[in-house]
Protein backbone atom coordinates (compact mmCIF):
# COMPACT_ATOMS: atom_id res chain seq x y z
CA MET A 1 -17.40 -38.40 -7.64
CA LYS A 2 -16.40 -37.09 -4.11
CA LEU A 3 -12.70 -37.85 -4.99
CA ALA A 4 -12.84 -35.69 -8.51
CA PHE A 5 -14.64 -32.97 -6.41
CA ALA A 6 -11.75 -32.88 -4.14
CA THR A 7 -9.20 -32.89 -6.51
CA ILE A 8 -10.61 -30.28 -8.40
CA LEU A 9 -11.10 -27.90 -4.97
CA GLY A 10 -7.60 -28.80 -3.81
CA LEU A 11 -6.04 -28.10 -7.09
CA GLY A 12 -8.26 -24.45 -7.25
CA LEU A 13 -6.58 -23.91 -4.03
CA ILE A 14 -3.04 -24.69 -5.31
CA ALA A 15 -3.41 -22.45 -7.86
CA ALA A 16 -5.31 -19.85 -6.18
CA PRO A 17 -3.01 -16.53 -6.34
CA ALA A 18 -1.61 -15.68 -3.00
CA VAL A 19 -2.86 -12.55 -1.17
CA ALA A 20 -0.14 -10.10 0.26
CA GLU A 21 -0.46 -9.62 3.93
CA PRO A 22 -0.41 -5.97 5.11
CA ASP A 23 3.04 -5.11 6.09
CA VAL A 24 3.28 -1.39 7.44
CA ALA A 25 6.88 -1.93 8.35
CA ALA A 26 7.31 -2.55 4.45
CA GLY A 27 5.34 0.61 4.05
CA GLU A 28 7.59 3.01 6.41
CA ALA A 29 10.82 1.40 4.54
CA LEU A 30 9.21 2.03 1.21
CA TYR A 31 8.68 5.70 2.45
CA GLN A 32 11.90 6.35 3.66
CA GLN A 33 13.55 4.82 0.55
CA LYS A 34 11.33 6.83 -2.36
CA CYS A 35 9.61 9.39 -0.21
CA ASN A 36 11.60 10.82 2.80
CA MET A 37 14.05 12.67 0.40
CA CYS A 38 11.53 15.05 -0.81
CA HIS A 39 8.72 15.09 2.14
CA ALA A 40 11.25 15.37 4.83
CA THR A 41 12.67 19.10 3.44
CA GLY A 42 9.89 20.09 1.47
CA LEU A 43 12.14 19.65 -1.92
CA GLY A 44 10.30 21.14 -5.04
CA GLY A 45 7.25 21.80 -2.81
CA ALA A 46 6.46 18.42 -1.77
CA PRO A 47 4.13 18.41 1.67
CA LEU A 48 6.00 17.73 4.74
CA GLN A 49 5.55 14.66 6.48
CA ASP A 50 3.82 16.39 9.04
CA ALA A 51 1.13 17.40 6.59
CA LEU A 52 1.04 14.08 4.97
CA THR A 53 0.10 12.40 8.46
CA LYS A 54 -3.19 14.91 8.89
CA LEU A 55 -4.47 12.98 5.44
CA ASP A 56 -6.89 10.20 5.07
CA PRO A 57 -5.43 7.60 4.11
CA GLN A 58 -7.14 7.06 0.72
CA LYS A 59 -5.99 10.45 -0.30
CA ILE A 60 -2.31 9.08 -0.11
CA VAL A 61 -3.37 5.95 -2.14
CA ASP A 62 -4.95 8.24 -4.71
CA VAL A 63 -2.04 10.26 -4.97
CA LEU A 64 0.23 7.46 -5.18
CA THR A 65 -1.70 5.95 -7.93
CA ASN A 66 -1.95 9.26 -10.02
CA PRO A 67 0.87 11.19 -9.21
CA GLY A 68 2.12 14.30 -10.81
CA THR A 69 4.97 14.67 -12.56
CA MET A 70 7.31 15.22 -9.94
CA MET A 71 6.64 11.91 -8.02
CA ALA A 72 5.69 9.72 -11.35
CA GLY A 73 9.43 8.10 -11.58
CA VAL A 74 9.62 7.45 -7.87
CA VAL A 75 6.54 6.11 -7.31
CA ALA A 76 6.24 3.81 -10.51
CA GLY A 77 5.94 0.30 -10.07
CA ILE A 78 4.62 0.53 -6.14
CA SER A 79 1.86 -2.16 -5.76
CA GLU A 80 -1.61 -1.33 -4.57
CA GLU A 81 -0.95 -3.18 -1.48
CA ASN A 82 2.09 -1.24 -0.70
CA LYS A 83 0.64 1.84 -1.64
CA ARG A 84 -1.78 1.38 1.12
CA ASP A 85 1.04 0.28 3.73
CA VAL A 86 2.48 3.28 3.19
CA ALA A 87 -0.67 5.46 3.60
CA VAL A 88 -1.37 3.75 6.95
CA PHE A 89 2.06 4.42 8.04
CA LEU A 90 1.74 7.89 7.35
CA THR A 91 -1.82 8.48 8.86
CA LYS A 92 -1.59 5.76 11.89
CA LYS A 93 -5.33 5.07 10.30
CA GLY A 94 -6.47 1.64 9.29
CA MET A 95 -7.90 0.79 5.71
CA PRO A 96 -10.86 -1.29 5.30
CA ALA A 97 -10.61 -4.27 3.06
CA LYS A 98 -11.20 -3.30 -0.68
CA ASP A 99 -11.75 -5.20 -4.04
CA ASN A 100 -9.27 -8.14 -3.52
CA LEU A 101 -7.20 -6.01 -0.91
CA PRO A 102 -6.84 -7.14 2.54
CA GLU A 103 -7.60 -4.67 5.64
CA VAL A 104 -4.63 -2.86 6.90
CA LYS A 105 -4.10 -1.92 10.57
CA PRO A 106 -1.71 0.59 11.60
CA ALA A 107 1.10 -0.55 13.70
CA PRO A 108 0.64 -0.84 17.59
């Protein structure tokens, strides 16, 4: 019986989905790749990066999750984890663990 339980537990751990580790450096790279072109210059009325750094990180995640028309194509396909990485990169403020997402801390 103990062997059966251990086997089931072990299989459950193997089959469990991997949780992505927070990666603020990846958030910075993603920002540079997808966001900087507009937020560095204010293109199309985009707020400048300096303004974004003053926001609450959850506000940035919310906008990336429900983007306006101008941003929709650019941010399509960005994972929830990466949205949080971008927000922490920009604001230098951590985000607590939420739902299935791990805590994200700013880079030292």
